[in-house]
Every structure is written in structure tokens, then in C-alpha cells.
Amino acid sequence: MIRSYEQATAATGGGGSTNSKPRSALAISAKNKYGHQKLEDISMSLKISGRNKLRGKVIEVQLGDIMALITVQVGENIVDSVITRKSAEDLNLKPGDEVAALIKATEVMIVKEGSS
């Protein structure tokens, strides 16, 4: 179960100084069709360590039994991502959605055409 900052700090008695306010809160919706809690509203600014974030538009969603292929157009380029079907449904991904493709890899190769 995901708790809000207020719930977590009330339970432990912690949470910083008394004059500080939490900067984020999570709201839980009813359970999804799999019986899992779903985040209905995230009213926070997410920061992430990954720097390879490519903003684009979903142009195709192919749902399989377990996995989903999400195709995102980033400028003149296409990025394909394979995620779980459950994740695609939880994100309610559909063509036209503005998204960010976050690339997390241990290595990135550089190719230069016509070099000798």
C-alpha cells in the first residue's frame, strides 16, 4: 500500500521540522481489474536520476497477452519500448499521448558514418 507523506510521518512521528510542509501527495484509486491498487493522481514533481529522457508522442500501442509494444515518435526518430501489458493499461497509453521515453543503459555506442 502506498501512503501519503502525512500518513507515513504520522505513523512514525518523524518527517522533519514542524514548519515544513510535504511537497507531494499520492492518492490511491479503487483497485484495477487485476485487484491491485492504482495511483489515481500524482500531485508531485518527480525527479529521476536518468538523464536520457526523450520526449515524444505515442503513435502505436500493441497489447499482447503479457507484454505491450509502445511506439513513440521522438522528432524524426522512432523509439520502441516493450513494457508489461499491466503497465501500459495502468498508464492508459494510447496514440497521441505525450510521453517521455527514459533510456537507462549501461553503455551507449556512438556511430559516425563515413569516418576512416
Foldseek 3Di string as FASTA:
>chain_A
DDFFLVVVCVVVVDDDDPPDDDQWTWDWDAADPVRHIATPDTNHDDDDPFDPKAKFWWADWAADPFKIWTWTDGPPDIDIDIDTNVVCVSVVDDGGDIDIDGDDDPDDDDDDPPDD
